[in-house]
Amino acid sequence: MRKITLAAVTVSVALVALTGCSAGGGGAQAGGSSAKPVFVFLPKSLNNPYWVDARKGMEDEAKKLGVTAKFLGPENDDAAAQVAIFDSILATHPAGIAISPNDPASVTSDIAAARAAGIPVIAWDGPVPNSQVQGYIGTDNVAAGEQAGEALAKSVGEKGDVAVVIGSLSAVNLNQRLTGVKKAIAKYPNMKIVATEVSNESIATAQSASETILQAHPNLAGFVGIGGSDLPGIAGALKSGGKCASVKSVGFDVVPQGIAGMKGGCVSALISQKPFGMTAQALKILSDMNAKKSSLKDGFNVDTGVVTVTPDTLDTFLKTAH
């Protein structure tokens, strides 16, 4: 019952945010008072700092294009709440939708409904396989996972037992990263993944899981965190256990907890996606689709790339928009 209540509250907030944005044919604001098209971005959640940069990229591009863009999602990673918000978005008939799915299978019917209504839909940040999305813009997650695995291998001297903490087993992008990590580690005969734990995108759960792994494997050489909440939890476990110097860690996204962990000596490398540029490009694509100016064909895949950030490059990286 609690999940239903939270979803209902989130949807009511989303409906308030969308008030005045309902339109027919082209997503102009209600009442015909403005021809400015309205686009909606539906992230996995709002409580992860990663989405702050994503929202900024969307808002910056919206100003350049002279359009309205909304950033509406559940407070936490909640597939049911995300679907409910998607339902509310459809009722407003926006000019385009970009979605980063918690559970891809749960949003395929809403995507089909949007397409049937003539609304362009693209996936961003995470793909939606077996759906009617027109394309994907974001990280090549297998390649990114491989880069994370290589960074971990370098930090542990290409030897030793390592462990993985992953946010979710239902998110396609996280599983793709895990595939990449395994691919990289397999190149090193003296390295072995001895444990894989699921955090359910909770920092507290990631820390608890990491502490359990450390107890079970006292000679562990390193960790890799796959989801946005995983590395902060890993770093917390290393700090509380006094193991920052002896156990290396690598994870995704340059967020405050990861930055603090790196500056505190608990994080060896951060694999930075490009959330700012991702949403900026996604909005431009949707705007072009709405204006019938897009040259992209259905099934397009735009890789926005990643950057490996180390303690030596952190300060310089933080001065750039990413």
C-alpha atoms as a PDB file:
ATOM      1  CA  MET A   1       0.000   0.000   0.000  1.00  0.00           C
ATOM      2  CA  ARG A   2       2.832   2.375   0.771  1.00  0.00           C
ATOM      3  CA  LYS A   3       4.187   2.206  -2.778  1.00  0.00           C
ATOM      4  CA  ILE A   4       0.755   2.955  -4.205  1.00  0.00           C
ATOM      5  CA  THR A   5       0.379   5.959  -1.917  1.00  0.00           C
ATOM      6  CA  LEU A   6       3.798   7.318  -2.812  1.00  0.00           C
ATOM      7  CA  ALA A   7       3.121   6.814  -6.505  1.00  0.00           C
ATOM      8  CA  ALA A   8      -0.180   8.649  -6.193  1.00  0.00           C
ATOM      9  CA  VAL A   9       1.502  11.575  -4.468  1.00  0.00           C
ATOM     10  CA  THR A  10       4.218  11.688  -7.125  1.00  0.00           C
ATOM     11  CA  VAL A  11       1.660  11.609  -9.917  1.00  0.00           C
ATOM     12  CA  SER A  12      -0.331  14.429  -8.354  1.00  0.00           C
ATOM     13  CA  VAL A  13       2.823  16.526  -8.250  1.00  0.00           C
ATOM     14  CA  ALA A  14       3.503  15.668 -11.893  1.00  0.00           C
ATOM     15  CA  LEU A  15      -0.016  16.691 -12.859  1.00  0.00           C
ATOM     16  CA  VAL A  16       0.427  20.040 -11.124  1.00  0.00           C
ATOM     17  CA  ALA A  17       3.701  20.542 -13.009  1.00  0.00           C
ATOM     18  CA  LEU A  18       1.941  19.801 -16.277  1.00  0.00           C
ATOM     19  CA  THR A  19      -1.068  22.061 -15.644  1.00  0.00           C
ATOM     20  CA  GLY A  20      -1.550  24.372 -18.586  1.00  0.00           C
ATOM     21  CA  CYS A  21       0.640  22.239 -20.835  1.00  0.00           C
ATOM     22  CA  SER A  22      -2.023  20.004 -22.357  1.00  0.00           C
ATOM     23  CA  ALA A  23      -2.498  20.415 -26.063  1.00  0.00           C
ATOM     24  CA  GLY A  24      -3.637  18.716 -29.188  1.00  0.00           C
ATOM     25  CA  GLY A  25      -1.556  18.185 -32.294  1.00  0.00           C
ATOM     26  CA  GLY A  26       1.965  19.620 -31.532  1.00  0.00           C
ATOM     27  CA  GLY A  27       1.953  20.025 -27.766  1.00  0.00           C
ATOM     28  CA  ALA A  28       1.289  23.748 -27.555  1.00  0.00           C
ATOM     29  CA  GLN A  29       0.084  25.057 -24.216  1.00  0.00           C
ATOM     30  CA  ALA A  30      -3.612  24.752 -23.387  1.00  0.00           C
ATOM     31  CA  GLY A  31      -6.049  27.339 -24.642  1.00  0.00           C
ATOM     32  CA  GLY A  32      -3.911  28.203 -27.650  1.00  0.00           C
ATOM     33  CA  SER A  33      -2.227  31.018 -25.702  1.00  0.00           C
ATOM     34  CA  SER A  34       1.188  29.983 -26.940  1.00  0.00           C
ATOM     35  CA  ALA A  35       2.585  27.999 -29.840  1.00  0.00           C
ATOM     36  CA  LYS A  36       5.655  27.072 -27.780  1.00  0.00           C
ATOM     37  CA  PRO A  37       5.969  23.258 -27.828  1.00  0.00           C
ATOM     38  CA  VAL A  38       6.240  21.353 -24.552  1.00  0.00           C
ATOM     39  CA  PHE A  39       8.626  18.403 -24.176  1.00  0.00           C
ATOM     40  CA  VAL A  40       8.809  16.058 -21.192  1.00  0.00           C
ATOM     41  CA  PHE A  41      11.810  14.191 -19.785  1.00  0.00           C
ATOM     42  CA  LEU A  42      11.033  11.248 -17.517  1.00  0.00           C
ATOM     43  CA  PRO A  43      14.108  10.233 -15.462  1.00  0.00           C
ATOM     44  CA  LYS A  44      14.402   7.150 -13.260  1.00  0.00           C
ATOM     45  CA  SER A  45      14.269   9.320 -10.133  1.00  0.00           C
ATOM     46  CA  LEU A  46      14.883  12.809  -8.813  1.00  0.00           C
ATOM     47  CA  ASN A  47      16.925  12.031  -5.689  1.00  0.00           C
ATOM     48  CA  ASN A  48      20.239  11.167  -7.373  1.00  0.00           C
ATOM     49  CA  PRO A  49      22.667  14.073  -7.997  1.00  0.00           C
ATOM     50  CA  TYR A  50      23.300  12.641 -11.473  1.00  0.00           C
ATOM     51  CA  TRP A  51      19.893  13.926 -12.536  1.00  0.00           C
ATOM     52  CA  VAL A  52      20.757  17.472 -11.455  1.00  0.00           C
ATOM     53  CA  ASP A  53      23.248  17.802 -14.319  1.00  0.00           C
ATOM     54  CA  ALA A  54      20.769  16.088 -16.649  1.00  0.00           C
ATOM     55  CA  ARG A  55      18.087  18.616 -15.771  1.00  0.00           C
ATOM     56  CA  LYS A  56      20.493  21.522 -16.274  1.00  0.00           C
ATOM     57  CA  GLY A  57      21.376  20.281 -19.753  1.00  0.00           C
ATOM     58  CA  MET A  58      17.712  20.057 -20.691  1.00  0.00           C
ATOM     59  CA  GLU A  59      16.924  23.515 -19.311  1.00  0.00           C
ATOM     60  CA  ASP A  60      19.928  25.110 -21.010  1.00  0.00           C
ATOM     61  CA  GLU A  61      18.974  23.656 -24.392  1.00  0.00           C
ATOM     62  CA  ALA A  62      15.312  24.624 -23.916  1.00  0.00           C
ATOM     63  CA  LYS A  63      16.347  28.272 -23.564  1.00  0.00           C
ATOM     64  CA  LYS A  64      18.428  28.063 -26.738  1.00  0.00           C
ATOM     65  CA  LEU A  65      15.592  26.462 -28.695  1.00  0.00           C
ATOM     66  CA  GLY A  66      12.820  28.631 -27.268  1.00  0.00           C
ATOM     67  CA  VAL A  67      10.755  25.653 -26.118  1.00  0.00           C
ATOM     68  CA  THR A  68       9.324  24.454 -22.811  1.00  0.00           C
ATOM     69  CA  ALA A  69      10.815  21.329 -21.237  1.00  0.00           C
ATOM     70  CA  LYS A  70       9.594  19.526 -18.120  1.00  0.00           C
ATOM     71  CA  PHE A  71      11.649  17.144 -15.960  1.00  0.00           C
ATOM     72  CA  LEU A  72       9.179  14.822 -14.205  1.00  0.00           C
ATOM     73  CA  GLY A  73       9.994  11.609 -12.364  1.00  0.00           C
ATOM     74  CA  PRO A  74       9.496   9.621  -9.162  1.00  0.00           C
ATOM     75  CA  GLU A  75      11.415  10.748  -6.095  1.00  0.00           C
ATOM     76  CA  ASN A  76      13.120   7.346  -5.843  1.00  0.00           C
ATOM     77  CA  ASP A  77      13.812   4.578  -8.345  1.00  0.00           C
ATOM     78  CA  ASP A  78      10.267   3.213  -8.554  1.00  0.00           C
ATOM     79  CA  ALA A  79       9.065   1.559 -11.750  1.00  0.00           C
ATOM     80  CA  ALA A  80       5.374   1.662 -10.787  1.00  0.00           C
ATOM     81  CA  ALA A  81       5.524   5.367  -9.928  1.00  0.00           C
ATOM     82  CA  GLN A  82       7.343   6.078 -13.180  1.00  0.00           C
ATOM     83  CA  VAL A  83       4.604   4.335 -15.173  1.00  0.00           C
ATOM     84  CA  ALA A  84       1.925   6.325 -13.341  1.00  0.00           C
ATOM     85  CA  ILE A  85       3.702   9.572 -14.214  1.00  0.00           C
ATOM     86  CA  PHE A  86       4.029   8.436 -17.831  1.00  0.00           C
ATOM     87  CA  ASP A  87       0.261   7.862 -17.854  1.00  0.00           C
ATOM     88  CA  SER A  88      -0.307  11.425 -16.637  1.00  0.00           C
ATOM     89  CA  ILE A  89       2.078  12.804 -19.248  1.00  0.00           C
ATOM     90  CA  LEU A  90       0.193  11.102 -22.079  1.00  0.00           C
ATOM     91  CA  ALA A  91      -2.979  12.935 -21.088  1.00  0.00           C
ATOM     92  CA  THR A  92      -1.272  16.276 -21.857  1.00  0.00           C
ATOM     93  CA  HIS A  93      -0.155  15.268 -25.376  1.00  0.00           C
ATOM     94  CA  PRO A  94       3.338  16.830 -25.246  1.00  0.00           C
ATOM     95  CA  ALA A  95       5.401  17.521 -28.351  1.00  0.00           C
ATOM     96  CA  GLY A  96       7.864  14.783 -27.435  1.00  0.00           C
ATOM     97  CA  ILE A  97       8.962  12.491 -24.611  1.00  0.00           C
ATOM     98  CA  ALA A  98      12.402  11.267 -23.525  1.00  0.00           C
ATOM     99  CA  ILE A  99      12.479   8.426 -21.014  1.00  0.00           C
ATOM    100  CA  SER A 100      15.155   6.779 -18.881  1.00  0.00           C
ATOM    101  CA  PRO A 101      13.370   3.609 -17.730  1.00  0.00           C
ATOM    102  CA  ASN A 102      13.588   1.930 -14.337  1.00  0.00           C
ATOM    103  CA  ASP A 103      12.110  -1.254 -15.777  1.00  0.00           C
ATOM    104  CA  PRO A 104      11.976  -1.160 -19.594  1.00  0.00           C
ATOM    105  CA  ALA A 105       9.230  -3.781 -19.851  1.00  0.00           C
ATOM    106  CA  SER A 106       6.918  -1.668 -17.691  1.00  0.00           C
ATOM    107  CA  VAL A 107       6.872   1.318 -20.063  1.00  0.00           C
ATOM    108  CA  THR A 108       6.516  -0.357 -23.466  1.00  0.00           C
ATOM    109  CA  SER A 109       2.717  -0.021 -23.544  1.00  0.00           C
ATOM    110  CA  ASP A 110       2.840   3.696 -22.711  1.00  0.00           C
ATOM    111  CA  ILE A 111       5.488   4.197 -25.377  1.00  0.00           C
ATOM    112  CA  ALA A 112       3.235   2.443 -27.894  1.00  0.00           C
ATOM    113  CA  ALA A 113       0.306   4.642 -26.834  1.00  0.00           C
ATOM    114  CA  ALA A 114       2.403   7.779 -27.260  1.00  0.00           C
ATOM    115  CA  ARG A 115       3.545   6.753 -30.721  1.00  0.00           C
ATOM    116  CA  ALA A 116      -0.026   5.907 -31.720  1.00  0.00           C
ATOM    117  CA  ALA A 117      -0.982   9.435 -30.673  1.00  0.00           C
ATOM    118  CA  GLY A 118       1.744  10.890 -32.886  1.00  0.00           C
ATOM    119  CA  ILE A 119       4.089  11.809 -30.017  1.00  0.00           C
ATOM    120  CA  PRO A 120       7.819  11.231 -30.674  1.00  0.00           C
ATOM    121  CA  VAL A 121       9.448   9.098 -27.953  1.00  0.00           C
ATOM    122  CA  ILE A 122      13.149   8.455 -27.496  1.00  0.00           C
ATOM    123  CA  ALA A 123      15.128   6.644 -24.819  1.00  0.00           C
ATOM    124  CA  TRP A 124      17.855   8.536 -23.035  1.00  0.00           C
ATOM    125  CA  ASP A 125      20.384   7.353 -20.433  1.00  0.00           C
ATOM    126  CA  GLY A 126      18.951   3.816 -20.525  1.00  0.00           C
ATOM    127  CA  PRO A 127      17.622   1.870 -23.544  1.00  0.00           C
ATOM    128  CA  VAL A 128      14.139   0.365 -23.876  1.00  0.00           C
ATOM    129  CA  PRO A 129      14.564  -2.804 -25.950  1.00  0.00           C
ATOM    130  CA  ASN A 130      11.576  -4.402 -27.664  1.00  0.00           C
ATOM    131  CA  SER A 131       9.649  -1.146 -27.682  1.00  0.00           C
ATOM    132  CA  GLN A 132       8.563   1.522 -30.153  1.00  0.00           C
ATOM    133  CA  VAL A 133      11.063   4.168 -29.049  1.00  0.00           C
ATOM    134  CA  GLN A 134      12.509   5.860 -32.094  1.00  0.00           C
ATOM    135  CA  GLY A 135      16.072   5.658 -30.876  1.00  0.00           C
ATOM    136  CA  TYR A 136      18.513   5.941 -27.995  1.00  0.00           C
ATOM    137  CA  ILE A 137      20.888   8.666 -26.896  1.00  0.00           C
ATOM    138  CA  GLY A 138      23.292   8.045 -24.063  1.00  0.00           C
ATOM    139  CA  THR A 139      26.208   5.982 -22.920  1.00  0.00           C
ATOM    140  CA  ASP A 140      27.376   2.830 -24.666  1.00  0.00           C
ATOM    141  CA  ASN A 141      27.086   1.000 -21.369  1.00  0.00           C
ATOM    142  CA  VAL A 142      29.018  -2.118 -22.337  1.00  0.00           C
ATOM    143  CA  ALA A 143      31.973   0.039 -23.393  1.00  0.00           C
ATOM    144  CA  ALA A 144      31.589   2.158 -20.246  1.00  0.00           C
ATOM    145  CA  GLY A 145      31.570  -0.934 -18.061  1.00  0.00           C
ATOM    146  CA  GLU A 146      34.677  -2.172 -19.803  1.00  0.00           C
ATOM    147  CA  GLN A 147      36.334   1.183 -19.102  1.00  0.00           C
ATOM    148  CA  ALA A 148      35.397   0.842 -15.423  1.00  0.00           C
ATOM    149  CA  GLY A 149      36.858  -2.653 -15.338  1.00  0.00           C
ATOM    150  CA  GLU A 150      40.084  -1.445 -16.926  1.00  0.00           C
ATOM    151  CA  ALA A 151      40.309   1.405 -14.406  1.00  0.00           C
ATOM    152  CA  LEU A 152      39.886  -1.069 -11.554  1.00  0.00           C
ATOM    153  CA  ALA A 153      42.486  -3.415 -13.033  1.00  0.00           C
ATOM    154  CA  LYS A 154      44.958  -0.554 -13.251  1.00  0.00           C
ATOM    155  CA  SER A 155      44.288   0.551  -9.679  1.00  0.00           C
ATOM    156  CA  VAL A 156      44.822  -2.952  -8.205  1.00  0.00           C
ATOM    157  CA  GLY A 157      47.908  -3.726 -10.279  1.00  0.00           C
ATOM    158  CA  GLU A 158      46.052  -6.212 -12.515  1.00  0.00           C
ATOM    159  CA  LYS A 159      45.757  -8.830  -9.770  1.00  0.00           C
ATOM    160  CA  GLY A 160      43.581  -9.841  -6.846  1.00  0.00           C
ATOM    161  CA  ASP A 161      40.003 -10.620  -5.914  1.00  0.00           C
ATOM    162  CA  VAL A 162      37.443  -7.916  -6.686  1.00  0.00           C
ATOM    163  CA  ALA A 163      33.739  -7.429  -6.026  1.00  0.00           C
ATOM    164  CA  VAL A 164      30.792  -5.797  -7.773  1.00  0.00           C
ATOM    165  CA  VAL A 165      27.868  -3.857  -6.318  1.00  0.00           C
ATOM    166  CA  ILE A 166      25.046  -3.205  -8.800  1.00  0.00           C
ATOM    167  CA  GLY A 167      21.986  -1.018  -8.311  1.00  0.00           C
ATOM    168  CA  SER A 168      19.418  -3.170 -10.090  1.00  0.00           C
ATOM    169  CA  LEU A 169      19.169  -6.356 -12.111  1.00  0.00           C
ATOM    170  CA  SER A 170      16.150  -5.095 -14.064  1.00  0.00           C
ATOM    171  CA  ALA A 171      17.776  -1.964 -15.523  1.00  0.00           C
ATOM    172  CA  VAL A 172      19.203  -2.763 -18.955  1.00  0.00           C
ATOM    173  CA  ASN A 173      21.929  -0.121 -18.778  1.00  0.00           C
ATOM    174  CA  LEU A 174      23.299  -1.456 -15.474  1.00  0.00           C
ATOM    175  CA  ASN A 175      23.370  -5.021 -16.775  1.00  0.00           C
ATOM    176  CA  GLN A 176      25.203  -3.813 -19.861  1.00  0.00           C
ATOM    177  CA  ARG A 177      27.807  -2.131 -17.658  1.00  0.00           C
ATOM    178  CA  LEU A 178      28.183  -5.352 -15.691  1.00  0.00           C
ATOM    179  CA  THR A 179      28.806  -7.206 -18.952  1.00  0.00           C
ATOM    180  CA  GLY A 180      31.524  -4.696 -19.804  1.00  0.00           C
ATOM    181  CA  VAL A 181      33.155  -4.980 -16.381  1.00  0.00           C
ATOM    182  CA  LYS A 182      33.261  -8.771 -16.658  1.00  0.00           C
ATOM    183  CA  LYS A 183      34.697  -8.500 -20.161  1.00  0.00           C
ATOM    184  CA  ALA A 184      37.520  -6.277 -18.926  1.00  0.00           C
ATOM    185  CA  ILE A 185      38.350  -8.338 -15.836  1.00  0.00           C
ATOM    186  CA  ALA A 186      38.429 -11.525 -17.929  1.00  0.00           C
ATOM    187  CA  LYS A 187      41.497 -10.144 -19.716  1.00  0.00           C
ATOM    188  CA  TYR A 188      43.540 -10.416 -16.523  1.00  0.00           C
ATOM    189  CA  PRO A 189      44.271 -14.016 -15.423  1.00  0.00           C
ATOM    190  CA  ASN A 190      45.292 -12.915 -11.935  1.00  0.00           C
ATOM    191  CA  MET A 191      42.009 -11.107 -11.251  1.00  0.00           C
ATOM    192  CA  LYS A 192      38.726 -12.691 -10.176  1.00  0.00           C
ATOM    193  CA  ILE A 193      35.249 -11.377  -9.350  1.00  0.00           C
ATOM    194  CA  VAL A 194      34.403 -13.134  -6.077  1.00  0.00           C
ATOM    195  CA  ALA A 195      31.123 -11.423  -5.157  1.00  0.00           C
ATOM    196  CA  THR A 196      28.257  -9.520  -6.781  1.00  0.00           C
ATOM    197  CA  GLU A 197      25.613  -7.813  -4.630  1.00  0.00           C
ATOM    198  CA  VAL A 198      22.486  -5.778  -5.484  1.00  0.00           C
ATOM    199  CA  SER A 199      21.913  -2.435  -3.735  1.00  0.00           C
ATOM    200  CA  ASN A 200      18.436  -1.634  -5.073  1.00  0.00           C
ATOM    201  CA  GLU A 201      19.809   1.852  -5.781  1.00  0.00           C
ATOM    202  CA  SER A 202      20.199   2.540  -2.059  1.00  0.00           C
ATOM    203  CA  ILE A 203      23.432   3.991  -0.678  1.00  0.00           C
ATOM    204  CA  ALA A 204      22.729   2.428   2.724  1.00  0.00           C
ATOM    205  CA  THR A 205      22.167  -1.000   1.162  1.00  0.00           C
ATOM    206  CA  ALA A 206      25.292  -0.618  -0.986  1.00  0.00           C
ATOM    207  CA  GLN A 207      27.334   0.177   2.126  1.00  0.00           C
ATOM    208  CA  SER A 208      25.890  -2.747   4.077  1.00  0.00           C
ATOM    209  CA  ALA A 209      26.522  -5.115   1.165  1.00  0.00           C
ATOM    210  CA  SER A 210      30.090  -3.839   0.821  1.00  0.00           C
ATOM    211  CA  GLU A 211      30.738  -4.341   4.524  1.00  0.00           C
ATOM    212  CA  THR A 212      29.475  -7.921   4.239  1.00  0.00           C
ATOM    213  CA  ILE A 213      31.753  -8.544   1.256  1.00  0.00           C
ATOM    214  CA  LEU A 214      34.757  -7.145   3.129  1.00  0.00           C
ATOM    215  CA  GLN A 215      34.069  -9.473   6.052  1.00  0.00           C
ATOM    216  CA  ALA A 216      33.755 -12.488   3.754  1.00  0.00           C
ATOM    217  CA  HIS A 217      36.830 -11.548   1.697  1.00  0.00           C
ATOM    218  CA  PRO A 218      39.392  -9.874   3.994  1.00  0.00           C
ATOM    219  CA  ASN A 219      42.020  -9.835   1.235  1.00  0.00           C
ATOM    220  CA  LEU A 220      39.777  -8.127  -1.312  1.00  0.00           C
ATOM    221  CA  ALA A 221      41.735  -5.902  -3.694  1.00  0.00           C
ATOM    222  CA  GLY A 222      38.937  -3.715  -5.027  1.00  0.00           C
ATOM    223  CA  PHE A 223      35.316  -2.884  -5.783  1.00  0.00           C
ATOM    224  CA  VAL A 224      33.431  -1.583  -8.773  1.00  0.00           C
ATOM    225  CA  GLY A 225      30.083   0.157  -8.287  1.00  0.00           C
ATOM    226  CA  ILE A 226      27.750  -0.154 -11.279  1.00  0.00           C
ATOM    227  CA  GLY A 227      24.856   2.157 -10.360  1.00  0.00           C
ATOM    228  CA  GLY A 228      24.812   5.745  -9.181  1.00  0.00           C
ATOM    229  CA  SER A 229      24.197   4.826  -5.529  1.00  0.00           C
ATOM    230  CA  ASP A 230      26.743   2.019  -5.391  1.00  0.00           C
ATOM    231  CA  LEU A 231      30.087   3.802  -5.210  1.00  0.00           C
ATOM    232  CA  PRO A 232      29.000   6.146  -2.370  1.00  0.00           C
ATOM    233  CA  GLY A 233      28.010   3.048  -0.379  1.00  0.00           C
ATOM    234  CA  ILE A 234      31.267   1.282  -1.205  1.00  0.00           C
ATOM    235  CA  ALA A 235      33.290   4.346  -0.201  1.00  0.00           C
ATOM    236  CA  GLY A 236      31.338   4.551   3.053  1.00  0.00           C
ATOM    237  CA  ALA A 237      32.182   0.940   3.860  1.00  0.00           C
ATOM    238  CA  LEU A 238      35.858   1.452   3.084  1.00  0.00           C
ATOM    239  CA  LYS A 239      36.009   4.582   5.210  1.00  0.00           C
ATOM    240  CA  SER A 240      34.220   3.062   8.200  1.00  0.00           C
ATOM    241  CA  GLY A 241      36.390  -0.045   7.973  1.00  0.00           C
ATOM    242  CA  GLY A 242      39.640   1.876   7.619  1.00  0.00           C
ATOM    243  CA  LYS A 243      40.361   0.226   4.268  1.00  0.00           C
ATOM    244  CA  CYS A 244      40.590   3.184   1.888  1.00  0.00           C
ATOM    245  CA  ALA A 245      44.337   2.709   1.490  1.00  0.00           C
ATOM    246  CA  SER A 246      44.275  -1.048   0.940  1.00  0.00           C
ATOM    247  CA  VAL A 247      41.092  -1.620  -1.100  1.00  0.00           C
ATOM    248  CA  LYS A 248      40.558   0.279  -4.347  1.00  0.00           C
ATOM    249  CA  SER A 249      37.193   1.358  -5.708  1.00  0.00           C
ATOM    250  CA  VAL A 250      35.841   2.535  -9.049  1.00  0.00           C
ATOM    251  CA  GLY A 251      32.330   3.677  -9.883  1.00  0.00           C
ATOM    252  CA  PHE A 252      30.050   5.721 -12.076  1.00  0.00           C
ATOM    253  CA  ASP A 253      29.179   9.406 -12.161  1.00  0.00           C
ATOM    254  CA  VAL A 254      30.930  12.434 -10.725  1.00  0.00           C
ATOM    255  CA  VAL A 255      28.453  13.275  -7.974  1.00  0.00           C
ATOM    256  CA  PRO A 256      29.146  14.906  -4.574  1.00  0.00           C
ATOM    257  CA  GLN A 257      29.563  11.612  -2.697  1.00  0.00           C
ATOM    258  CA  GLY A 258      31.974  10.288  -5.311  1.00  0.00           C
ATOM    259  CA  ILE A 259      33.944  13.524  -5.327  1.00  0.00           C
ATOM    260  CA  ALA A 260      34.203  13.473  -1.529  1.00  0.00           C
ATOM    261  CA  GLY A 261      35.257   9.830  -1.636  1.00  0.00           C
ATOM    262  CA  MET A 262      37.973  10.560  -4.171  1.00  0.00           C
ATOM    263  CA  LYS A 263      39.273  13.566  -2.249  1.00  0.00           C
ATOM    264  CA  GLY A 264      39.235  11.445   0.909  1.00  0.00           C
ATOM    265  CA  GLY A 265      41.354   8.748  -0.720  1.00  0.00           C
ATOM    266  CA  CYS A 266      38.585   6.115  -0.863  1.00  0.00           C
ATOM    267  CA  VAL A 267      37.881   6.258  -4.620  1.00  0.00           C
ATOM    268  CA  SER A 268      40.451   5.510  -7.315  1.00  0.00           C
ATOM    269  CA  ALA A 269      38.489   6.424 -10.444  1.00  0.00           C
ATOM    270  CA  LEU A 270      35.105   7.765 -11.500  1.00  0.00           C
ATOM    271  CA  ILE A 271      33.580   6.895 -14.854  1.00  0.00           C
ATOM    272  CA  SER A 272      31.751  10.047 -15.834  1.00  0.00           C
ATOM    273  CA  GLN A 273      28.863   9.931 -18.229  1.00  0.00           C
ATOM    274  CA  LYS A 274      27.743  13.149 -19.866  1.00  0.00           C
ATOM    275  CA  PRO A 275      24.283  13.838 -18.409  1.00  0.00           C
ATOM    276  CA  PHE A 276      24.325  17.552 -19.317  1.00  0.00           C
ATOM    277  CA  GLY A 277      25.169  16.921 -22.963  1.00  0.00           C
ATOM    278  CA  MET A 278      22.906  13.874 -23.098  1.00  0.00           C
ATOM    279  CA  THR A 279      19.720  15.771 -22.320  1.00  0.00           C
ATOM    280  CA  ALA A 280      20.739  18.775 -24.405  1.00  0.00           C
ATOM    281  CA  GLN A 281      21.163  16.548 -27.457  1.00  0.00           C
ATOM    282  CA  ALA A 282      18.001  14.593 -26.640  1.00  0.00           C
ATOM    283  CA  LEU A 283      15.915  17.773 -26.519  1.00  0.00           C
ATOM    284  CA  LYS A 284      17.385  18.979 -29.814  1.00  0.00           C
ATOM    285  CA  ILE A 285      16.478  15.635 -31.400  1.00  0.00           C
ATOM    286  CA  LEU A 286      12.910  15.801 -30.077  1.00  0.00           C
ATOM    287  CA  SER A 287      12.556  19.409 -31.201  1.00  0.00           C
ATOM    288  CA  ASP A 288      13.719  18.500 -34.702  1.00  0.00           C
ATOM    289  CA  MET A 289      11.310  15.549 -34.781  1.00  0.00           C
ATOM    290  CA  ASN A 290       8.425  17.780 -33.744  1.00  0.00           C
ATOM    291  CA  ALA A 291       9.349  20.296 -36.448  1.00  0.00           C
ATOM    292  CA  LYS A 292       9.736  17.495 -39.037  1.00  0.00           C
ATOM    293  CA  LYS A 293      13.394  18.452 -39.490  1.00  0.00           C
ATOM    294  CA  SER A 294      15.080  15.334 -38.128  1.00  0.00           C
ATOM    295  CA  SER A 295      17.236  13.256 -40.448  1.00  0.00           C
ATOM    296  CA  LEU A 296      17.530  10.414 -37.919  1.00  0.00           C
ATOM    297  CA  LYS A 297      15.964   7.095 -38.833  1.00  0.00           C
ATOM    298  CA  ASP A 298      14.086   4.899 -36.354  1.00  0.00           C
ATOM    299  CA  GLY A 299      16.519   2.759 -34.403  1.00  0.00           C
ATOM    300  CA  PHE A 300      19.205   5.453 -34.176  1.00  0.00           C
ATOM    301  CA  ASN A 301      21.836   5.130 -31.462  1.00  0.00           C
ATOM    302  CA  VAL A 302      23.840   8.170 -30.342  1.00  0.00           C
ATOM    303  CA  ASP A 303      26.775   7.325 -28.055  1.00  0.00           C
ATOM    304  CA  THR A 304      27.601  10.322 -25.856  1.00  0.00           C
ATOM    305  CA  GLY A 305      30.733   8.683 -24.435  1.00  0.00           C
ATOM    306  CA  VAL A 306      32.335   8.590 -20.996  1.00  0.00           C
ATOM    307  CA  VAL A 307      35.441  10.023 -19.346  1.00  0.00           C
ATOM    308  CA  THR A 308      37.599   8.348 -16.696  1.00  0.00           C
ATOM    309  CA  VAL A 309      38.280  10.824 -13.901  1.00  0.00           C
ATOM    310  CA  THR A 310      41.148  10.235 -11.466  1.00  0.00           C
ATOM    311  CA  PRO A 311      42.429  12.188  -8.454  1.00  0.00           C
ATOM    312  CA  ASP A 312      44.934  13.870 -10.787  1.00  0.00           C
ATOM    313  CA  THR A 313      42.273  15.079 -13.231  1.00  0.00           C
ATOM    314  CA  LEU A 314      39.328  15.702 -10.874  1.00  0.00           C
ATOM    315  CA  ASP A 315      39.763  19.442 -10.304  1.00  0.00           C
ATOM    316  CA  THR A 316      40.164  20.181 -14.014  1.00  0.00           C
ATOM    317  CA  PHE A 317      37.145  18.023 -14.854  1.00  0.00           C
ATOM    318  CA  LEU A 318      34.935  19.802 -12.335  1.00  0.00           C
ATOM    319  CA  LYS A 319      35.490  23.095 -14.154  1.00  0.00           C
ATOM    320  CA  THR A 320      33.779  21.752 -17.286  1.00  0.00           C
ATOM    321  CA  ALA A 321      30.096  21.248 -18.107  1.00  0.00           C
ATOM    322  CA  HIS A 322      29.433  17.527 -18.224  1.00  0.00           C
END
